[in-house]
Amino acid sequence: MWNQMVSSLPIASALQSWGWGEVKKLSGWQPERWAVFDGEQLIAAAQLFRRRLGGPLSMLYAPRGPALRELDDLPRVVEALKQKANGAVYLKLEPEVGIPASQPVKEFPQAHIEETIQPEYSIWLDLRQGREGLLAQMDNMHRRNTKLAEKRVVTSIEGMEAFEEFWQLFEETNRRARLLQHAKAYYQTVLREMNQPLGEAFISIARLQGRALAAGLFVAFAGKVDYLYGGSSRENSNAKAPNGMHWGAMQWGIEKGYRIYDLWGVPRQTEGSHAAGIDAFKEGFGGQRVRFPSYDVALSPLYGPVKKALRLRKSWINYRTRGTTRDVL
């Protein structure tokens, strides 16, 4: 029932699905699910996650949400959700509108634009173009490498049976890039719980002579295929396994009738970014660079000090992990 409501709305995300609520329980977030109606018409489905900040303090957060009929409904939805806040210091909303990155973000007096928790920018590929359309929009090198990968690696779509191979590559890549990660059980839970009513989760894995060289964990919901996590080996780089891994997932999405392939996260600004290489790779597929705005709704005079403390904490974690206070994306 919940997934049906979320996926029926034009602005929707896998992170608003029931399965994602079960995943985030592992990280201490408690899901609260609310539907908002205009008469008998559904205008929003909001999966809010409550996070305790210390003592009685908490925040409410809708990752890539709420699901909306249209962005202009946000003020009415905010007013409805404020009634369910139950003492939260603030409410953070990140509807998955996917506006072109060059366009200004729509502003509302009830909520102010703030930094996101999920990646603020991504690249969307239109799967409705089909195989030839996707190849045509790639830059020359990516098109060449993708065609080479078709010949050199074997890419397959698998489930939990490929998890250990995925995990080895994912850990290796995170160590190399100095990126944080959750415990192993978290990603296993993503793969299990996101296989749900109206949604799917899978691993796309590219192998050369039986050895895994690149693997990604994907979720699919509400017309989109999302690339959430991935890793690759530096061995046999001429096999172009990362291209093959993505190309296999794109073909799966086309066959299943999905509309959008979300490469999930590129830096706000490429220059000097720790993730500049990731950005360049994703940009090579073409597509449209999109933005997901974040709106904060202050519900307490403590909002300012709490936000400042959370930003300082995040900057310290960044510095401890990578030697810079800058965010990866």
C-alpha atoms as a PDB file:
ATOM      1  CA  MET A   1       0.000   0.000   0.000  1.00  0.00           C
ATOM      2  CA  TRP A   2       2.740   2.510   0.961  1.00  0.00           C
ATOM      3  CA  ASN A   3       4.877   1.762  -2.102  1.00  0.00           C
ATOM      4  CA  GLN A   4       1.814   2.054  -4.301  1.00  0.00           C
ATOM      5  CA  MET A   5       1.121   5.553  -2.970  1.00  0.00           C
ATOM      6  CA  VAL A   6       4.726   6.712  -3.327  1.00  0.00           C
ATOM      7  CA  SER A   7       5.215   5.340  -6.830  1.00  0.00           C
ATOM      8  CA  SER A   8       1.905   6.835  -8.017  1.00  0.00           C
ATOM      9  CA  LEU A   9       3.234  10.373  -7.526  1.00  0.00           C
ATOM     10  CA  PRO A  10       5.246  12.093 -10.298  1.00  0.00           C
ATOM     11  CA  ILE A  11       8.062  13.188  -7.939  1.00  0.00           C
ATOM     12  CA  ALA A  12       9.173  10.018  -6.165  1.00  0.00           C
ATOM     13  CA  SER A  13      12.274   8.140  -5.082  1.00  0.00           C
ATOM     14  CA  ALA A  14      13.403   4.704  -3.932  1.00  0.00           C
ATOM     15  CA  LEU A  15      14.509   6.365  -0.682  1.00  0.00           C
ATOM     16  CA  GLN A  16      10.858   7.023   0.076  1.00  0.00           C
ATOM     17  CA  SER A  17       9.924   3.354  -0.362  1.00  0.00           C
ATOM     18  CA  TRP A  18       9.013   1.068   2.521  1.00  0.00           C
ATOM     19  CA  GLY A  19      12.174  -0.991   2.073  1.00  0.00           C
ATOM     20  CA  TRP A  20      14.458   2.011   2.581  1.00  0.00           C
ATOM     21  CA  GLY A  21      12.767   2.667   5.898  1.00  0.00           C
ATOM     22  CA  GLU A  22      13.706  -0.840   7.004  1.00  0.00           C
ATOM     23  CA  VAL A  23      17.299  -0.308   5.832  1.00  0.00           C
ATOM     24  CA  LYS A  24      17.777   2.932   7.780  1.00  0.00           C
ATOM     25  CA  LYS A  25      16.702   1.381  11.053  1.00  0.00           C
ATOM     26  CA  LEU A  26      20.192  -0.156  11.097  1.00  0.00           C
ATOM     27  CA  SER A  27      21.685   3.348  11.319  1.00  0.00           C
ATOM     28  CA  GLY A  28      19.495   4.548  14.150  1.00  0.00           C
ATOM     29  CA  TRP A  29      16.857   6.338  12.062  1.00  0.00           C
ATOM     30  CA  GLN A  30      13.227   5.595  12.896  1.00  0.00           C
ATOM     31  CA  PRO A  31      10.786   5.840   9.959  1.00  0.00           C
ATOM     32  CA  GLU A  32       7.499   7.711  10.291  1.00  0.00           C
ATOM     33  CA  ARG A  33       5.190   7.555   7.268  1.00  0.00           C
ATOM     34  CA  TRP A  34       2.492  10.123   6.484  1.00  0.00           C
ATOM     35  CA  ALA A  35       0.193  10.653   3.508  1.00  0.00           C
ATOM     36  CA  VAL A  36      -1.189  14.131   2.709  1.00  0.00           C
ATOM     37  CA  PHE A  37      -4.456  14.576   0.795  1.00  0.00           C
ATOM     38  CA  ASP A  38      -6.267  17.457  -0.860  1.00  0.00           C
ATOM     39  CA  GLY A  39      -9.814  16.221  -0.423  1.00  0.00           C
ATOM     40  CA  GLU A  40      -9.630  12.706  -1.820  1.00  0.00           C
ATOM     41  CA  GLN A  41      -6.557  13.365  -3.979  1.00  0.00           C
ATOM     42  CA  LEU A  42      -3.150  12.241  -2.741  1.00  0.00           C
ATOM     43  CA  ILE A  43      -0.661  15.111  -3.010  1.00  0.00           C
ATOM     44  CA  ALA A  44       2.259  13.753  -0.957  1.00  0.00           C
ATOM     45  CA  ALA A  45       3.648  10.665   0.743  1.00  0.00           C
ATOM     46  CA  ALA A  46       6.366  11.500   3.237  1.00  0.00           C
ATOM     47  CA  GLN A  47       8.650   8.927   4.802  1.00  0.00           C
ATOM     48  CA  LEU A  48      10.331  10.911   7.556  1.00  0.00           C
ATOM     49  CA  PHE A  49      13.251   9.592   9.547  1.00  0.00           C
ATOM     50  CA  ARG A  50      13.627  10.729  13.129  1.00  0.00           C
ATOM     51  CA  ARG A  51      17.153  10.968  14.476  1.00  0.00           C
ATOM     52  CA  ARG A  52      17.924  11.588  18.130  1.00  0.00           C
ATOM     53  CA  LEU A  53      20.555  14.320  18.495  1.00  0.00           C
ATOM     54  CA  GLY A  54      21.124  13.999  22.224  1.00  0.00           C
ATOM     55  CA  GLY A  55      18.716  14.110  25.148  1.00  0.00           C
ATOM     56  CA  PRO A  56      15.255  15.207  24.002  1.00  0.00           C
ATOM     57  CA  LEU A  57      16.542  16.786  20.775  1.00  0.00           C
ATOM     58  CA  SER A  58      15.689  15.206  17.437  1.00  0.00           C
ATOM     59  CA  MET A  59      15.383  16.053  13.747  1.00  0.00           C
ATOM     60  CA  LEU A  60      13.069  14.759  11.019  1.00  0.00           C
ATOM     61  CA  TYR A  61      14.449  14.060   7.568  1.00  0.00           C
ATOM     62  CA  ALA A  62      12.864  12.952   4.273  1.00  0.00           C
ATOM     63  CA  PRO A  63      15.679  11.623   2.048  1.00  0.00           C
ATOM     64  CA  ARG A  64      14.867  12.426  -1.582  1.00  0.00           C
ATOM     65  CA  GLY A  65      11.386  13.159  -0.356  1.00  0.00           C
ATOM     66  CA  PRO A  66       8.588  13.647   0.224  1.00  0.00           C
ATOM     67  CA  ALA A  67       7.033  12.111  -2.862  1.00  0.00           C
ATOM     68  CA  LEU A  68       4.915  14.880  -4.372  1.00  0.00           C
ATOM     69  CA  ARG A  69       2.214  15.508  -6.937  1.00  0.00           C
ATOM     70  CA  GLU A  70       4.102  18.715  -7.819  1.00  0.00           C
ATOM     71  CA  LEU A  71       6.704  20.899  -6.117  1.00  0.00           C
ATOM     72  CA  ASP A  72       4.198  23.739  -5.637  1.00  0.00           C
ATOM     73  CA  ASP A  73       2.381  21.521  -3.119  1.00  0.00           C
ATOM     74  CA  LEU A  74       5.375  21.699  -0.766  1.00  0.00           C
ATOM     75  CA  PRO A  75       4.074  24.584   1.435  1.00  0.00           C
ATOM     76  CA  ARG A  76       0.837  22.735   2.173  1.00  0.00           C
ATOM     77  CA  VAL A  77       2.759  19.543   2.839  1.00  0.00           C
ATOM     78  CA  VAL A  78       5.103  21.376   5.218  1.00  0.00           C
ATOM     79  CA  GLU A  79       2.163  22.664   7.227  1.00  0.00           C
ATOM     80  CA  ALA A  80       0.736  19.162   7.507  1.00  0.00           C
ATOM     81  CA  LEU A  81       4.052  17.625   8.522  1.00  0.00           C
ATOM     82  CA  LYS A  82       4.717  20.280  11.159  1.00  0.00           C
ATOM     83  CA  GLN A  83       1.699  18.908  13.013  1.00  0.00           C
ATOM     84  CA  LYS A  84       3.490  15.536  13.230  1.00  0.00           C
ATOM     85  CA  ALA A  85       6.883  16.888  14.344  1.00  0.00           C
ATOM     86  CA  ASN A  86       6.450  15.979  18.029  1.00  0.00           C
ATOM     87  CA  GLY A  87       9.214  18.200  19.328  1.00  0.00           C
ATOM     88  CA  ALA A  88      11.747  17.907  16.493  1.00  0.00           C
ATOM     89  CA  VAL A  89      14.174  20.836  16.226  1.00  0.00           C
ATOM     90  CA  TYR A  90      13.794  20.968  12.470  1.00  0.00           C
ATOM     91  CA  LEU A  91      12.446  19.229   9.409  1.00  0.00           C
ATOM     92  CA  LYS A  92      14.652  18.583   6.363  1.00  0.00           C
ATOM     93  CA  LEU A  93      13.024  17.819   2.997  1.00  0.00           C
ATOM     94  CA  GLU A  94      14.844  16.828  -0.209  1.00  0.00           C
ATOM     95  CA  PRO A  95      12.204  16.144  -2.900  1.00  0.00           C
ATOM     96  CA  GLU A  96      13.610  14.307  -5.921  1.00  0.00           C
ATOM     97  CA  VAL A  97      12.599  16.959  -8.448  1.00  0.00           C
ATOM     98  CA  GLY A  98      15.735  16.576 -10.564  1.00  0.00           C
ATOM     99  CA  ILE A  99      15.726  20.137 -11.913  1.00  0.00           C
ATOM    100  CA  PRO A 100      18.370  20.983 -14.557  1.00  0.00           C
ATOM    101  CA  ALA A 101      21.514  22.006 -12.661  1.00  0.00           C
ATOM    102  CA  SER A 102      21.676  25.365 -14.443  1.00  0.00           C
ATOM    103  CA  GLN A 103      18.201  26.434 -13.311  1.00  0.00           C
ATOM    104  CA  PRO A 104      17.534  28.345 -10.088  1.00  0.00           C
ATOM    105  CA  VAL A 105      15.959  26.463  -7.198  1.00  0.00           C
ATOM    106  CA  LYS A 106      12.369  27.309  -6.367  1.00  0.00           C
ATOM    107  CA  GLU A 107      12.056  29.080  -3.030  1.00  0.00           C
ATOM    108  CA  PHE A 108       9.248  29.017  -0.483  1.00  0.00           C
ATOM    109  CA  PRO A 109       8.680  31.322   2.529  1.00  0.00           C
ATOM    110  CA  GLN A 110       7.834  28.341   4.748  1.00  0.00           C
ATOM    111  CA  ALA A 111      11.205  26.638   4.163  1.00  0.00           C
ATOM    112  CA  HIS A 112      14.700  27.883   3.378  1.00  0.00           C
ATOM    113  CA  ILE A 113      17.229  26.298   1.064  1.00  0.00           C
ATOM    114  CA  GLU A 114      20.043  24.490   2.875  1.00  0.00           C
ATOM    115  CA  GLU A 115      22.812  21.997   2.155  1.00  0.00           C
ATOM    116  CA  THR A 116      21.690  18.466   1.373  1.00  0.00           C
ATOM    117  CA  ILE A 117      22.401  15.171   3.101  1.00  0.00           C
ATOM    118  CA  GLN A 118      22.000  13.072  -0.042  1.00  0.00           C
ATOM    119  CA  PRO A 119      24.167  14.126  -3.018  1.00  0.00           C
ATOM    120  CA  GLU A 120      22.877  17.470  -4.278  1.00  0.00           C
ATOM    121  CA  TYR A 121      23.792  16.849  -7.925  1.00  0.00           C
ATOM    122  CA  SER A 122      23.553  13.803 -10.137  1.00  0.00           C
ATOM    123  CA  ILE A 123      23.378  12.771 -13.788  1.00  0.00           C
ATOM    124  CA  TRP A 124      20.202  11.309 -15.233  1.00  0.00           C
ATOM    125  CA  LEU A 125      20.223   9.206 -18.386  1.00  0.00           C
ATOM    126  CA  ASP A 126      16.995   8.733 -20.340  1.00  0.00           C
ATOM    127  CA  LEU A 127      16.601   4.976 -20.807  1.00  0.00           C
ATOM    128  CA  ARG A 128      13.705   5.518 -23.200  1.00  0.00           C
ATOM    129  CA  GLN A 129      16.309   6.380 -25.858  1.00  0.00           C
ATOM    130  CA  GLY A 130      17.250   2.714 -26.018  1.00  0.00           C
ATOM    131  CA  ARG A 131      20.682   1.218 -26.583  1.00  0.00           C
ATOM    132  CA  GLU A 132      21.641   3.250 -29.650  1.00  0.00           C
ATOM    133  CA  GLY A 133      20.435   6.529 -28.176  1.00  0.00           C
ATOM    134  CA  LEU A 134      22.468   5.980 -25.007  1.00  0.00           C
ATOM    135  CA  LEU A 135      25.600   5.156 -26.997  1.00  0.00           C
ATOM    136  CA  ALA A 136      25.125   8.201 -29.219  1.00  0.00           C
ATOM    137  CA  GLN A 137      25.081  10.638 -26.285  1.00  0.00           C
ATOM    138  CA  MET A 138      28.297   9.287 -24.710  1.00  0.00           C
ATOM    139  CA  ASP A 139      31.548  11.096 -25.386  1.00  0.00           C
ATOM    140  CA  ASN A 140      33.812   9.371 -27.892  1.00  0.00           C
ATOM    141  CA  MET A 141      36.060   7.688 -25.324  1.00  0.00           C
ATOM    142  CA  HIS A 142      33.148   6.357 -23.270  1.00  0.00           C
ATOM    143  CA  ARG A 143      31.430   5.006 -26.354  1.00  0.00           C
ATOM    144  CA  ARG A 144      34.644   3.265 -27.406  1.00  0.00           C
ATOM    145  CA  ASN A 145      35.273   1.880 -23.903  1.00  0.00           C
ATOM    146  CA  THR A 146      31.687   0.655 -23.537  1.00  0.00           C
ATOM    147  CA  LYS A 147      31.892  -1.221 -26.820  1.00  0.00           C
ATOM    148  CA  LEU A 148      35.261  -2.664 -25.775  1.00  0.00           C
ATOM    149  CA  ALA A 149      33.739  -3.812 -22.476  1.00  0.00           C
ATOM    150  CA  GLU A 150      31.003  -5.660 -24.378  1.00  0.00           C
ATOM    151  CA  LYS A 151      33.709  -7.710 -26.062  1.00  0.00           C
ATOM    152  CA  ARG A 152      36.140  -8.155 -23.164  1.00  0.00           C
ATOM    153  CA  VAL A 153      34.068  -8.750 -20.020  1.00  0.00           C
ATOM    154  CA  VAL A 154      30.988 -10.767 -19.178  1.00  0.00           C
ATOM    155  CA  THR A 155      28.410  -8.655 -17.330  1.00  0.00           C
ATOM    156  CA  SER A 156      25.504 -10.239 -15.511  1.00  0.00           C
ATOM    157  CA  ILE A 157      22.665  -9.116 -13.245  1.00  0.00           C
ATOM    158  CA  GLU A 158      22.668 -11.082 -10.007  1.00  0.00           C
ATOM    159  CA  GLY A 159      21.467 -11.031  -6.415  1.00  0.00           C
ATOM    160  CA  MET A 160      22.870 -12.053  -3.052  1.00  0.00           C
ATOM    161  CA  GLU A 161      24.979 -14.794  -4.687  1.00  0.00           C
ATOM    162  CA  ALA A 162      27.297 -12.061  -6.035  1.00  0.00           C
ATOM    163  CA  PHE A 163      27.454 -10.065  -2.811  1.00  0.00           C
ATOM    164  CA  GLU A 164      30.880 -11.244  -1.613  1.00  0.00           C
ATOM    165  CA  GLU A 165      32.476 -10.317  -4.931  1.00  0.00           C
ATOM    166  CA  PHE A 166      30.775  -6.912  -4.795  1.00  0.00           C
ATOM    167  CA  TRP A 167      31.866  -6.396  -1.194  1.00  0.00           C
ATOM    168  CA  GLN A 168      35.531  -7.132  -1.908  1.00  0.00           C
ATOM    169  CA  LEU A 169      35.608  -4.593  -4.753  1.00  0.00           C
ATOM    170  CA  PHE A 170      33.600  -2.027  -2.784  1.00  0.00           C
ATOM    171  CA  GLU A 171      35.939  -2.206   0.215  1.00  0.00           C
ATOM    172  CA  GLU A 172      39.012  -2.030  -1.999  1.00  0.00           C
ATOM    173  CA  THR A 173      37.711   1.078  -3.764  1.00  0.00           C
ATOM    174  CA  ASN A 174      36.733   2.853  -0.534  1.00  0.00           C
ATOM    175  CA  ARG A 175      40.172   2.264   0.955  1.00  0.00           C
ATOM    176  CA  ARG A 176      41.792   3.611  -2.189  1.00  0.00           C
ATOM    177  CA  ALA A 177      39.576   6.707  -2.258  1.00  0.00           C
ATOM    178  CA  ARG A 178      39.519   7.214   1.539  1.00  0.00           C
ATOM    179  CA  LEU A 179      35.736   7.027   1.706  1.00  0.00           C
ATOM    180  CA  LEU A 180      33.602   6.052   4.679  1.00  0.00           C
ATOM    181  CA  GLN A 181      31.269   3.069   4.554  1.00  0.00           C
ATOM    182  CA  HIS A 182      28.695   1.277   6.665  1.00  0.00           C
ATOM    183  CA  ALA A 183      29.120  -2.205   8.116  1.00  0.00           C
ATOM    184  CA  LYS A 184      28.777  -5.120   5.724  1.00  0.00           C
ATOM    185  CA  ALA A 185      25.326  -6.043   7.069  1.00  0.00           C
ATOM    186  CA  TYR A 186      23.983  -2.658   5.958  1.00  0.00           C
ATOM    187  CA  TYR A 187      24.586  -3.348   2.259  1.00  0.00           C
ATOM    188  CA  GLN A 188      23.240  -6.866   2.580  1.00  0.00           C
ATOM    189  CA  THR A 189      20.089  -5.338   4.055  1.00  0.00           C
ATOM    190  CA  VAL A 190      19.816  -2.910   1.117  1.00  0.00           C
ATOM    191  CA  LEU A 191      19.971  -5.807  -1.317  1.00  0.00           C
ATOM    192  CA  ARG A 192      17.391  -7.789   0.645  1.00  0.00           C
ATOM    193  CA  GLU A 193      14.878  -5.100   1.718  1.00  0.00           C
ATOM    194  CA  MET A 194      14.845  -3.156  -1.541  1.00  0.00           C
ATOM    195  CA  ASN A 195      13.547  -6.258  -3.310  1.00  0.00           C
ATOM    196  CA  GLN A 196      10.034  -5.263  -2.321  1.00  0.00           C
ATOM    197  CA  PRO A 197       6.569  -4.674  -3.790  1.00  0.00           C
ATOM    198  CA  LEU A 198       6.990  -2.451  -6.889  1.00  0.00           C
ATOM    199  CA  GLY A 199      10.769  -2.292  -6.345  1.00  0.00           C
ATOM    200  CA  GLU A 200      13.900  -4.290  -7.119  1.00  0.00           C
ATOM    201  CA  ALA A 201      17.537  -4.491  -6.021  1.00  0.00           C
ATOM    202  CA  PHE A 202      20.396  -6.202  -7.824  1.00  0.00           C
ATOM    203  CA  ILE A 203      24.124  -6.392  -8.397  1.00  0.00           C
ATOM    204  CA  SER A 204      25.550  -5.736 -11.842  1.00  0.00           C
ATOM    205  CA  ILE A 205      28.923  -7.453 -12.033  1.00  0.00           C
ATOM    206  CA  ALA A 206      31.551  -7.518 -14.793  1.00  0.00           C
ATOM    207  CA  ARG A 207      33.995 -10.437 -14.872  1.00  0.00           C
ATOM    208  CA  LEU A 208      37.026 -11.308 -16.944  1.00  0.00           C
ATOM    209  CA  GLN A 209      37.713 -15.050 -17.161  1.00  0.00           C
ATOM    210  CA  GLY A 210      35.563 -15.547 -14.064  1.00  0.00           C
ATOM    211  CA  ARG A 211      37.291 -12.864 -11.954  1.00  0.00           C
ATOM    212  CA  ALA A 212      35.129  -9.921 -10.824  1.00  0.00           C
ATOM    213  CA  LEU A 213      36.619  -6.580 -11.897  1.00  0.00           C
ATOM    214  CA  ALA A 214      33.698  -4.189 -11.294  1.00  0.00           C
ATOM    215  CA  ALA A 215      30.400  -4.463  -9.431  1.00  0.00           C
ATOM    216  CA  GLY A 216      27.593  -2.118  -8.449  1.00  0.00           C
ATOM    217  CA  LEU A 217      24.611  -2.387  -6.119  1.00  0.00           C
ATOM    218  CA  PHE A 218      21.485  -0.897  -7.714  1.00  0.00           C
ATOM    219  CA  VAL A 219      17.915  -0.275  -6.620  1.00  0.00           C
ATOM    220  CA  ALA A 220      14.971   0.323  -8.952  1.00  0.00           C
ATOM    221  CA  PHE A 221      11.689   1.969  -8.035  1.00  0.00           C
ATOM    222  CA  ALA A 222       9.139   4.455  -9.412  1.00  0.00           C
ATOM    223  CA  GLY A 223      10.546   4.445 -12.938  1.00  0.00           C
ATOM    224  CA  LYS A 224      14.191   4.923 -11.992  1.00  0.00           C
ATOM    225  CA  VAL A 225      17.267   2.693 -11.708  1.00  0.00           C
ATOM    226  CA  ASP A 226      19.625   4.099  -9.055  1.00  0.00           C
ATOM    227  CA  TYR A 227      23.335   3.306  -8.833  1.00  0.00           C
ATOM    228  CA  LEU A 228      23.953   3.481  -5.078  1.00  0.00           C
ATOM    229  CA  TYR A 229      27.271   1.739  -4.405  1.00  0.00           C
ATOM    230  CA  GLY A 230      30.072   0.311  -6.484  1.00  0.00           C
ATOM    231  CA  GLY A 231      33.684  -0.656  -6.732  1.00  0.00           C
ATOM    232  CA  SER A 232      36.277  -1.789  -9.209  1.00  0.00           C
ATOM    233  CA  SER A 233      39.709  -3.349  -9.369  1.00  0.00           C
ATOM    234  CA  ARG A 234      42.736  -1.678 -10.913  1.00  0.00           C
ATOM    235  CA  GLU A 235      43.696  -4.993 -12.483  1.00  0.00           C
ATOM    236  CA  ASN A 236      43.110  -5.448 -16.207  1.00  0.00           C
ATOM    237  CA  SER A 237      42.085  -1.823 -16.695  1.00  0.00           C
ATOM    238  CA  ASN A 238      42.081  -2.357 -20.474  1.00  0.00           C
ATOM    239  CA  ALA A 239      38.992  -4.558 -20.031  1.00  0.00           C
ATOM    240  CA  LYS A 240      36.956  -1.408 -19.194  1.00  0.00           C
ATOM    241  CA  ALA A 241      34.949  -3.330 -16.611  1.00  0.00           C
ATOM    242  CA  PRO A 242      33.305  -0.259 -14.961  1.00  0.00           C
ATOM    243  CA  ASN A 243      31.798   0.678 -18.323  1.00  0.00           C
ATOM    244  CA  GLY A 244      30.598  -2.885 -18.741  1.00  0.00           C
ATOM    245  CA  MET A 245      29.058  -2.968 -15.284  1.00  0.00           C
ATOM    246  CA  HIS A 246      27.029   0.196 -15.934  1.00  0.00           C
ATOM    247  CA  TRP A 247      26.131  -0.835 -19.470  1.00  0.00           C
ATOM    248  CA  GLY A 248      24.728  -4.116 -18.182  1.00  0.00           C
ATOM    249  CA  ALA A 249      22.564  -2.277 -15.633  1.00  0.00           C
ATOM    250  CA  MET A 250      21.334   0.123 -18.311  1.00  0.00           C
ATOM    251  CA  GLN A 251      20.334  -2.767 -20.580  1.00  0.00           C
ATOM    252  CA  TRP A 252      18.472  -4.349 -17.662  1.00  0.00           C
ATOM    253  CA  GLY A 253      16.625  -1.071 -17.044  1.00  0.00           C
ATOM    254  CA  ILE A 254      15.645  -0.767 -20.702  1.00  0.00           C
ATOM    255  CA  GLU A 255      14.334  -4.344 -20.782  1.00  0.00           C
ATOM    256  CA  LYS A 256      12.324  -3.786 -17.583  1.00  0.00           C
ATOM    257  CA  GLY A 257      10.745  -0.570 -18.866  1.00  0.00           C
ATOM    258  CA  TYR A 258      12.415   1.917 -16.494  1.00  0.00           C
ATOM    259  CA  ARG A 259      12.663   5.551 -17.643  1.00  0.00           C
ATOM    260  CA  ILE A 260      15.668   7.043 -15.843  1.00  0.00           C
ATOM    261  CA  TYR A 261      19.146   5.810 -14.932  1.00  0.00           C
ATOM    262  CA  ASP A 262      20.474   7.810 -11.976  1.00  0.00           C
ATOM    263  CA  LEU A 263      24.278   7.795 -11.647  1.00  0.00           C
ATOM    264  CA  TRP A 264      23.780   9.069  -8.071  1.00  0.00           C
ATOM    265  CA  GLY A 265      26.088  11.817  -7.097  1.00  0.00           C
ATOM    266  CA  VAL A 266      28.594  14.153  -8.745  1.00  0.00           C
ATOM    267  CA  PRO A 267      30.482  16.972  -7.000  1.00  0.00           C
ATOM    268  CA  ARG A 268      28.956  20.424  -6.581  1.00  0.00           C
ATOM    269  CA  GLN A 269      32.103  21.794  -8.156  1.00  0.00           C
ATOM    270  CA  THR A 270      34.643  19.635  -9.930  1.00  0.00           C
ATOM    271  CA  GLU A 271      37.701  21.841  -9.501  1.00  0.00           C
ATOM    272  CA  GLY A 272      39.721  20.652  -6.517  1.00  0.00           C
ATOM    273  CA  SER A 273      37.153  17.998  -5.643  1.00  0.00           C
ATOM    274  CA  HIS A 274      38.214  14.719  -4.080  1.00  0.00           C
ATOM    275  CA  ALA A 275      35.670  13.114  -6.427  1.00  0.00           C
ATOM    276  CA  ALA A 276      36.773  14.821  -9.656  1.00  0.00           C
ATOM    277  CA  GLY A 277      37.667  11.471 -11.223  1.00  0.00           C
ATOM    278  CA  ILE A 278      34.257  10.044 -10.352  1.00  0.00           C
ATOM    279  CA  ASP A 279      32.621  13.095 -11.880  1.00  0.00           C
ATOM    280  CA  ALA A 280      34.600  12.808 -15.110  1.00  0.00           C
ATOM    281  CA  PHE A 281      33.705   9.127 -15.472  1.00  0.00           C
ATOM    282  CA  LYS A 282      29.984   9.731 -14.924  1.00  0.00           C
ATOM    283  CA  GLU A 283      29.926  12.792 -17.189  1.00  0.00           C
ATOM    284  CA  GLY A 284      31.294  10.605 -19.978  1.00  0.00           C
ATOM    285  CA  PHE A 285      27.944   8.821 -20.250  1.00  0.00           C
ATOM    286  CA  GLY A 286      26.253  12.062 -21.331  1.00  0.00           C
ATOM    287  CA  GLY A 287      22.772  12.668 -20.021  1.00  0.00           C
ATOM    288  CA  GLN A 288      21.562  15.621 -17.977  1.00  0.00           C
ATOM    289  CA  ARG A 289      23.157  17.071 -14.865  1.00  0.00           C
ATOM    290  CA  VAL A 290      20.340  17.573 -12.336  1.00  0.00           C
ATOM    291  CA  ARG A 291      19.962  19.080  -8.893  1.00  0.00           C
ATOM    292  CA  PHE A 292      17.967  18.031  -5.832  1.00  0.00           C
ATOM    293  CA  PRO A 293      17.319  21.007  -3.523  1.00  0.00           C
ATOM    294  CA  SER A 294      17.078  20.692   0.232  1.00  0.00           C
ATOM    295  CA  TYR A 295      14.568  22.663   2.280  1.00  0.00           C
ATOM    296  CA  ASP A 296      14.891  23.146   6.033  1.00  0.00           C
ATOM    297  CA  VAL A 297      11.932  24.035   8.224  1.00  0.00           C
ATOM    298  CA  ALA A 298      13.001  25.407  11.604  1.00  0.00           C
ATOM    299  CA  LEU A 299      10.737  24.239  14.408  1.00  0.00           C
ATOM    300  CA  SER A 300      12.693  25.452  17.426  1.00  0.00           C
ATOM    301  CA  PRO A 301      15.009  28.338  18.454  1.00  0.00           C
ATOM    302  CA  LEU A 302      17.688  25.654  18.801  1.00  0.00           C
ATOM    303  CA  TYR A 303      17.761  25.123  15.030  1.00  0.00           C
ATOM    304  CA  GLY A 304      20.724  27.457  14.417  1.00  0.00           C
ATOM    305  CA  PRO A 305      23.055  26.056  17.102  1.00  0.00           C
ATOM    306  CA  VAL A 306      22.122  22.451  16.237  1.00  0.00           C
ATOM    307  CA  LYS A 307      22.815  22.976  12.515  1.00  0.00           C
ATOM    308  CA  LYS A 308      26.163  24.597  13.287  1.00  0.00           C
ATOM    309  CA  ALA A 309      27.154  21.703  15.553  1.00  0.00           C
ATOM    310  CA  LEU A 310      26.180  19.122  12.921  1.00  0.00           C
ATOM    311  CA  ARG A 311      28.198  20.967  10.237  1.00  0.00           C
ATOM    312  CA  LEU A 312      31.275  21.097  12.502  1.00  0.00           C
ATOM    313  CA  ARG A 313      30.921  17.385  13.203  1.00  0.00           C
ATOM    314  CA  LYS A 314      30.704  16.577   9.491  1.00  0.00           C
ATOM    315  CA  SER A 315      33.736  18.751   8.708  1.00  0.00           C
ATOM    316  CA  TRP A 316      35.740  17.007  11.420  1.00  0.00           C
ATOM    317  CA  ILE A 317      34.840  13.549  10.065  1.00  0.00           C
ATOM    318  CA  ASN A 318      35.865  14.684   6.573  1.00  0.00           C
ATOM    319  CA  TYR A 319      39.205  15.964   7.862  1.00  0.00           C
ATOM    320  CA  ARG A 320      39.909  12.852   9.895  1.00  0.00           C
ATOM    321  CA  THR A 321      39.091  10.611   6.928  1.00  0.00           C
ATOM    322  CA  ARG A 322      40.619  12.490   3.984  1.00  0.00           C
ATOM    323  CA  GLY A 323      42.622  15.397   5.381  1.00  0.00           C
ATOM    324  CA  THR A 324      40.146  18.043   4.155  1.00  0.00           C
ATOM    325  CA  THR A 325      36.960  19.533   5.579  1.00  0.00           C
ATOM    326  CA  ARG A 326      35.324  19.537   2.122  1.00  0.00           C
ATOM    327  CA  ASP A 327      32.496  17.125   1.409  1.00  0.00           C
ATOM    328  CA  VAL A 328      33.077  14.455  -1.238  1.00  0.00           C
ATOM    329  CA  LEU A 329      29.940  15.424  -3.203  1.00  0.00           C
END
